[in-house]
Amino acid sequence: MVTRVDLTATPGTERAVMGASATLIDLTGPHAPTFHTLVARDPRTGETAYELTASELTSVIAELGP
């Protein structure tokens, strides 16, 4: 459902892991916005979705940055 950035990755790198959850945001109620977290079971939860080294991140930033 989602990936999330792993904050325990080596500094200067980026690693994302698989997750089995989603967030539903209700914008219509009197207390809007209301956030609902939906959690599912997935045997792949916690597996690496992608991992970028420091040099790969530098290349991406150079290509896509201002």
PDB file of N, CA and C in Angstrom:
ATOM      1  N   MET A   1       0.807  -1.187   0.000  1.00  0.00           N
ATOM      2  CA  MET A   1       0.000   0.000   0.000  1.00  0.00           C
ATOM      3  C   MET A   1       0.856   1.259   0.000  1.00  0.00           C
ATOM      4  N   VAL A   2       1.799   1.320   0.903  1.00  0.00           N
ATOM      5  CA  VAL A   2       2.669   2.498   0.961  1.00  0.00           C
ATOM      6  C   VAL A   2       4.091   2.054   1.246  1.00  0.00           C
ATOM      7  N   THR A   3       5.010   2.924   0.946  1.00  0.00           N
ATOM      8  CA  THR A   3       6.375   2.744   1.416  1.00  0.00           C
ATOM      9  C   THR A   3       6.658   3.889   2.365  1.00  0.00           C
ATOM     10  N   ARG A   4       7.580   3.687   3.239  1.00  0.00           N
ATOM     11  CA  ARG A   4       7.954   4.770   4.149  1.00  0.00           C
ATOM     12  C   ARG A   4       9.472   4.824   4.222  1.00  0.00           C
ATOM     13  N   VAL A   5       9.985   6.016   4.384  1.00  0.00           N
ATOM     14  CA  VAL A   5      11.427   6.200   4.454  1.00  0.00           C
ATOM     15  C   VAL A   5      11.904   5.696   5.812  1.00  0.00           C
ATOM     16  N   ASP A   6      12.933   4.884   5.781  1.00  0.00           N
ATOM     17  CA  ASP A   6      13.517   4.298   6.983  1.00  0.00           C
ATOM     18  C   ASP A   6      14.508   5.293   7.580  1.00  0.00           C
ATOM     19  N   LEU A   7      14.154   5.868   8.702  1.00  0.00           N
ATOM     20  CA  LEU A   7      15.000   6.886   9.333  1.00  0.00           C
ATOM     21  C   LEU A   7      16.235   6.297   9.997  1.00  0.00           C
ATOM     22  N   THR A   8      16.351   4.965  10.030  1.00  0.00           N
ATOM     23  CA  THR A   8      17.537   4.338  10.609  1.00  0.00           C
ATOM     24  C   THR A   8      18.582   4.006   9.551  1.00  0.00           C
ATOM     25  N   ALA A   9      18.345   4.407   8.304  1.00  0.00           N
ATOM     26  CA  ALA A   9      19.322   4.163   7.237  1.00  0.00           C
ATOM     27  C   ALA A   9      20.598   4.958   7.520  1.00  0.00           C
ATOM     28  N   THR A  10      21.677   4.545   6.905  1.00  0.00           N
ATOM     29  CA  THR A  10      22.955   5.228   7.057  1.00  0.00           C
ATOM     30  C   THR A  10      22.810   6.699   6.666  1.00  0.00           C
ATOM     31  N   PRO A  11      23.327   7.633   7.461  1.00  0.00           N
ATOM     32  CA  PRO A  11      23.237   9.049   7.112  1.00  0.00           C
ATOM     33  C   PRO A  11      23.783   9.309   5.702  1.00  0.00           C
ATOM     34  N   GLY A  12      23.073  10.155   4.947  1.00  0.00           N
ATOM     35  CA  GLY A  12      23.480  10.481   3.585  1.00  0.00           C
ATOM     36  C   GLY A  12      22.904   9.550   2.544  1.00  0.00           C
ATOM     37  N   THR A  13      22.191   8.513   2.978  1.00  0.00           N
ATOM     38  CA  THR A  13      21.550   7.579   2.057  1.00  0.00           C
ATOM     39  C   THR A  13      20.042   7.650   2.269  1.00  0.00           C
ATOM     40  N   GLU A  14      19.305   6.958   1.428  1.00  0.00           N
ATOM     41  CA  GLU A  14      17.859   6.876   1.616  1.00  0.00           C
ATOM     42  C   GLU A  14      17.420   5.443   1.375  1.00  0.00           C
ATOM     43  N   ARG A  15      16.623   4.942   2.299  1.00  0.00           N
ATOM     44  CA  ARG A  15      16.087   3.591   2.187  1.00  0.00           C
ATOM     45  C   ARG A  15      14.606   3.658   2.508  1.00  0.00           C
ATOM     46  N   ALA A  16      13.796   3.012   1.692  1.00  0.00           N
ATOM     47  CA  ALA A  16      12.363   2.939   1.957  1.00  0.00           C
ATOM     48  C   ALA A  16      11.972   1.484   2.129  1.00  0.00           C
ATOM     49  N   VAL A  17      11.025   1.250   3.014  1.00  0.00           N
ATOM     50  CA  VAL A  17      10.564  -0.108   3.274  1.00  0.00           C
ATOM     51  C   VAL A  17       9.083  -0.228   2.936  1.00  0.00           C
ATOM     52  N   MET A  18       8.689  -1.459   2.629  1.00  0.00           N
ATOM     53  CA  MET A  18       7.292  -1.737   2.322  1.00  0.00           C
ATOM     54  C   MET A  18       6.466  -1.586   3.593  1.00  0.00           C
ATOM     55  N   GLY A  19       5.252  -1.118   3.430  1.00  0.00           N
ATOM     56  CA  GLY A  19       4.328  -1.002   4.543  1.00  0.00           C
ATOM     57  C   GLY A  19       2.967  -1.518   4.126  1.00  0.00           C
ATOM     58  N   ALA A  20       2.159  -1.845   5.074  1.00  0.00           N
ATOM     59  CA  ALA A  20       0.823  -2.352   4.779  1.00  0.00           C
ATOM     60  C   ALA A  20      -0.203  -1.474   5.472  1.00  0.00           C
ATOM     61  N   SER A  21      -0.197  -0.208   5.108  1.00  0.00           N
ATOM     62  CA  SER A  21      -1.157   0.709   5.710  1.00  0.00           C
ATOM     63  C   SER A  21      -1.438   1.844   4.740  1.00  0.00           C
ATOM     64  N   ALA A  22      -2.488   2.561   5.053  1.00  0.00           N
ATOM     65  CA  ALA A  22      -2.855   3.731   4.258  1.00  0.00           C
ATOM     66  C   ALA A  22      -3.508   4.730   5.204  1.00  0.00           C
ATOM     67  N   THR A  23      -3.544   5.976   4.801  1.00  0.00           N
ATOM     68  CA  THR A  23      -4.209   7.002   5.590  1.00  0.00           C
ATOM     69  C   THR A  23      -5.372   7.565   4.798  1.00  0.00           C
ATOM     70  N   LEU A  24      -6.548   7.546   5.403  1.00  0.00           N
ATOM     71  CA  LEU A  24      -7.746   8.130   4.811  1.00  0.00           C
ATOM     72  C   LEU A  24      -7.955   9.478   5.488  1.00  0.00           C
ATOM     73  N   ILE A  25      -8.067  10.526   4.700  1.00  0.00           N
ATOM     74  CA  ILE A  25      -8.240  11.868   5.247  1.00  0.00           C
ATOM     75  C   ILE A  25      -9.651  12.335   4.928  1.00  0.00           C
ATOM     76  N   ASP A  26     -10.443  12.575   5.968  1.00  0.00           N
ATOM     77  CA  ASP A  26     -11.826  13.026   5.815  1.00  0.00           C
ATOM     78  C   ASP A  26     -11.844  14.549   5.909  1.00  0.00           C
ATOM     79  N   LEU A  27     -12.224  15.194   4.813  1.00  0.00           N
ATOM     80  CA  LEU A  27     -12.252  16.658   4.768  1.00  0.00           C
ATOM     81  C   LEU A  27     -13.659  17.228   4.920  1.00  0.00           C
ATOM     82  N   THR A  28     -14.660  16.367   5.144  1.00  0.00           N
ATOM     83  CA  THR A  28     -16.048  16.829   5.118  1.00  0.00           C
ATOM     84  C   THR A  28     -16.687  17.004   6.488  1.00  0.00           C
ATOM     85  N   GLY A  29     -16.154  16.413   7.518  1.00  0.00           N
ATOM     86  CA  GLY A  29     -16.787  16.451   8.832  1.00  0.00           C
ATOM     87  C   GLY A  29     -16.597  17.771   9.550  1.00  0.00           C
ATOM     88  N   PRO A  30     -17.323  17.952  10.653  1.00  0.00           N
ATOM     89  CA  PRO A  30     -17.224  19.202  11.407  1.00  0.00           C
ATOM     90  C   PRO A  30     -15.863  19.398  12.078  1.00  0.00           C
ATOM     91  N   HIS A  31     -15.115  18.325  12.238  1.00  0.00           N
ATOM     92  CA  HIS A  31     -13.791  18.414  12.858  1.00  0.00           C
ATOM     93  C   HIS A  31     -12.691  18.170  11.829  1.00  0.00           C
ATOM     94  N   ALA A  32     -12.999  18.411  10.572  1.00  0.00           N
ATOM     95  CA  ALA A  32     -12.051  18.151   9.478  1.00  0.00           C
ATOM     96  C   ALA A  32     -10.818  19.032   9.625  1.00  0.00           C
ATOM     97  N   PRO A  33      -9.680  18.544   9.217  1.00  0.00           N
ATOM     98  CA  PRO A  33      -9.477  17.209   8.653  1.00  0.00           C
ATOM     99  C   PRO A  33      -9.319  16.161   9.754  1.00  0.00           C
ATOM    100  N   THR A  34      -9.873  14.989   9.491  1.00  0.00           N
ATOM    101  CA  THR A  34      -9.734  13.843  10.383  1.00  0.00           C
ATOM    102  C   THR A  34      -8.937  12.777   9.650  1.00  0.00           C
ATOM    103  N   PHE A  35      -7.941  12.228  10.303  1.00  0.00           N
ATOM    104  CA  PHE A  35      -7.069  11.227   9.696  1.00  0.00           C
ATOM    105  C   PHE A  35      -7.390   9.854  10.275  1.00  0.00           C
ATOM    106  N   HIS A  36      -7.561   8.876   9.402  1.00  0.00           N
ATOM    107  CA  HIS A  36      -7.818   7.497   9.806  1.00  0.00           C
ATOM    108  C   HIS A  36      -6.704   6.633   9.225  1.00  0.00           C
ATOM    109  N   THR A  37      -6.024   5.887  10.064  1.00  0.00           N
ATOM    110  CA  THR A  37      -4.976   4.985   9.590  1.00  0.00           C
ATOM    111  C   THR A  37      -5.567   3.592   9.439  1.00  0.00           C
ATOM    112  N   LEU A  38      -5.441   3.036   8.243  1.00  0.00           N
ATOM    113  CA  LEU A  38      -5.938   1.697   7.943  1.00  0.00           C
ATOM    114  C   LEU A  38      -4.734   0.772   7.843  1.00  0.00           C
ATOM    115  N   VAL A  39      -4.746  -0.292   8.610  1.00  0.00           N
ATOM    116  CA  VAL A  39      -3.609  -1.206   8.655  1.00  0.00           C
ATOM    117  C   VAL A  39      -4.044  -2.576   8.145  1.00  0.00           C
ATOM    118  N   ALA A  40      -3.195  -3.185   7.338  1.00  0.00           N
ATOM    119  CA  ALA A  40      -3.456  -4.524   6.819  1.00  0.00           C
ATOM    120  C   ALA A  40      -2.277  -5.424   7.174  1.00  0.00           C
ATOM    121  N   ARG A  41      -2.459  -6.705   6.977  1.00  0.00           N
ATOM    122  CA  ARG A  41      -1.358  -7.655   7.195  1.00  0.00           C
ATOM    123  C   ARG A  41      -0.728  -7.967   5.852  1.00  0.00           C
ATOM    124  N   ASP A  42       0.578  -7.898   5.808  1.00  0.00           N
ATOM    125  CA  ASP A  42       1.311  -8.181   4.579  1.00  0.00           C
ATOM    126  C   ASP A  42       2.632  -8.825   4.968  1.00  0.00           C
ATOM    127  N   PRO A  43       2.917 -10.016   4.452  1.00  0.00           N
ATOM    128  CA  PRO A  43       4.172 -10.672   4.815  1.00  0.00           C
ATOM    129  C   PRO A  43       5.410  -9.924   4.329  1.00  0.00           C
ATOM    130  N   ARG A  44       5.242  -8.976   3.407  1.00  0.00           N
ATOM    131  CA  ARG A  44       6.388  -8.221   2.892  1.00  0.00           C
ATOM    132  C   ARG A  44       6.647  -6.935   3.673  1.00  0.00           C
ATOM    133  N   THR A  45       5.863  -6.645   4.689  1.00  0.00           N
ATOM    134  CA  THR A  45       6.070  -5.446   5.490  1.00  0.00           C
ATOM    135  C   THR A  45       7.489  -5.429   6.045  1.00  0.00           C
ATOM    136  N   GLY A  46       8.165  -4.311   5.878  1.00  0.00           N
ATOM    137  CA  GLY A  46       9.526  -4.157   6.371  1.00  0.00           C
ATOM    138  C   GLY A  46      10.596  -4.494   5.354  1.00  0.00           C
ATOM    139  N   GLU A  47      10.210  -5.124   4.221  1.00  0.00           N
ATOM    140  CA  GLU A  47      11.191  -5.408   3.170  1.00  0.00           C
ATOM    141  C   GLU A  47      11.610  -4.106   2.495  1.00  0.00           C
ATOM    142  N   THR A  48      12.823  -4.072   1.990  1.00  0.00           N
ATOM    143  CA  THR A  48      13.318  -2.883   1.309  1.00  0.00           C
ATOM    144  C   THR A  48      12.571  -2.675  -0.003  1.00  0.00           C
ATOM    145  N   ALA A  49      12.005  -1.489  -0.182  1.00  0.00           N
ATOM    146  CA  ALA A  49      11.348  -1.130  -1.440  1.00  0.00           C
ATOM    147  C   ALA A  49      12.382  -0.544  -2.397  1.00  0.00           C
ATOM    148  N   TYR A  50      13.236   0.334  -1.876  1.00  0.00           N
ATOM    149  CA  TYR A  50      14.365   0.861  -2.641  1.00  0.00           C
ATOM    150  C   TYR A  50      15.411   1.382  -1.682  1.00  0.00           C
ATOM    151  N   GLU A  51      16.630   1.475  -2.181  1.00  0.00           N
ATOM    152  CA  GLU A  51      17.738   1.988  -1.373  1.00  0.00           C
ATOM    153  C   GLU A  51      18.678   2.757  -2.287  1.00  0.00           C
ATOM    154  N   LEU A  52      19.020   3.979  -1.895  1.00  0.00           N
ATOM    155  CA  LEU A  52      19.907   4.831  -2.684  1.00  0.00           C
ATOM    156  C   LEU A  52      21.160   5.155  -1.883  1.00  0.00           C
ATOM    157  N   THR A  53      22.302   5.028  -2.531  1.00  0.00           N
ATOM    158  CA  THR A  53      23.566   5.401  -1.896  1.00  0.00           C
ATOM    159  C   THR A  53      23.705   6.922  -1.927  1.00  0.00           C
ATOM    160  N   ALA A  54      24.709   7.428  -1.235  1.00  0.00           N
ATOM    161  CA  ALA A  54      24.953   8.872  -1.221  1.00  0.00           C
ATOM    162  C   ALA A  54      25.240   9.389  -2.627  1.00  0.00           C
ATOM    163  N   SER A  55      26.016   8.660  -3.419  1.00  0.00           N
ATOM    164  CA  SER A  55      26.331   9.127  -4.779  1.00  0.00           C
ATOM    165  C   SER A  55      25.096   9.083  -5.675  1.00  0.00           C
ATOM    166  N   GLU A  56      24.232   8.084  -5.492  1.00  0.00           N
ATOM    167  CA  GLU A  56      22.989   8.037  -6.275  1.00  0.00           C
ATOM    168  C   GLU A  56      22.077   9.202  -5.912  1.00  0.00           C
ATOM    169  N   LEU A  57      21.993   9.527  -4.620  1.00  0.00           N
ATOM    170  CA  LEU A  57      21.183  10.672  -4.200  1.00  0.00           C
ATOM    171  C   LEU A  57      21.729  11.976  -4.772  1.00  0.00           C
ATOM    172  N   THR A  58      23.036  12.124  -4.762  1.00  0.00           N
ATOM    173  CA  THR A  58      23.656  13.324  -5.327  1.00  0.00           C
ATOM    174  C   THR A  58      23.299  13.466  -6.798  1.00  0.00           C
ATOM    175  N   SER A  59      23.324  12.371  -7.541  1.00  0.00           N
ATOM    176  CA  SER A  59      22.973  12.397  -8.967  1.00  0.00           C
ATOM    177  C   SER A  59      21.515  12.782  -9.179  1.00  0.00           C
ATOM    178  N   VAL A  60      20.622  12.209  -8.373  1.00  0.00           N
ATOM    179  CA  VAL A  60      19.193  12.519  -8.495  1.00  0.00           C
ATOM    180  C   VAL A  60      18.946  13.990  -8.191  1.00  0.00           C
ATOM    181  N   ILE A  61      19.554  14.491  -7.128  1.00  0.00           N
ATOM    182  CA  ILE A  61      19.374  15.897  -6.751  1.00  0.00           C
ATOM    183  C   ILE A  61      19.929  16.816  -7.834  1.00  0.00           C
ATOM    184  N   ALA A  62      21.072  16.464  -8.403  1.00  0.00           N
ATOM    185  CA  ALA A  62      21.661  17.283  -9.469  1.00  0.00           C
ATOM    186  C   ALA A  62      20.764  17.304 -10.702  1.00  0.00           C
ATOM    187  N   GLU A  63      20.144  16.170 -11.000  1.00  0.00           N
ATOM    188  CA  GLU A  63      19.291  16.081 -12.189  1.00  0.00           C
ATOM    189  C   GLU A  63      17.941  16.754 -11.987  1.00  0.00           C
ATOM    190  N   LEU A  64      17.346  16.601 -10.818  1.00  0.00           N
ATOM    191  CA  LEU A  64      15.988  17.089 -10.592  1.00  0.00           C
ATOM    192  C   LEU A  64      15.913  18.389  -9.806  1.00  0.00           C
ATOM    193  N   GLY A  65      17.010  18.773  -9.173  1.00  0.00           N
ATOM    194  CA  GLY A  65      17.008  19.982  -8.357  1.00  0.00           C
ATOM    195  C   GLY A  65      16.929  21.243  -9.201  1.00  0.00           C
ATOM    196  N   PRO A  66      16.855  22.391  -8.533  1.00  0.00           N
ATOM    197  CA  PRO A  66      16.736  23.667  -9.269  1.00  0.00           C
ATOM    198  C   PRO A  66      17.956  23.991 -10.116  1.00  0.00           C
TER     199      PRO A  66
END
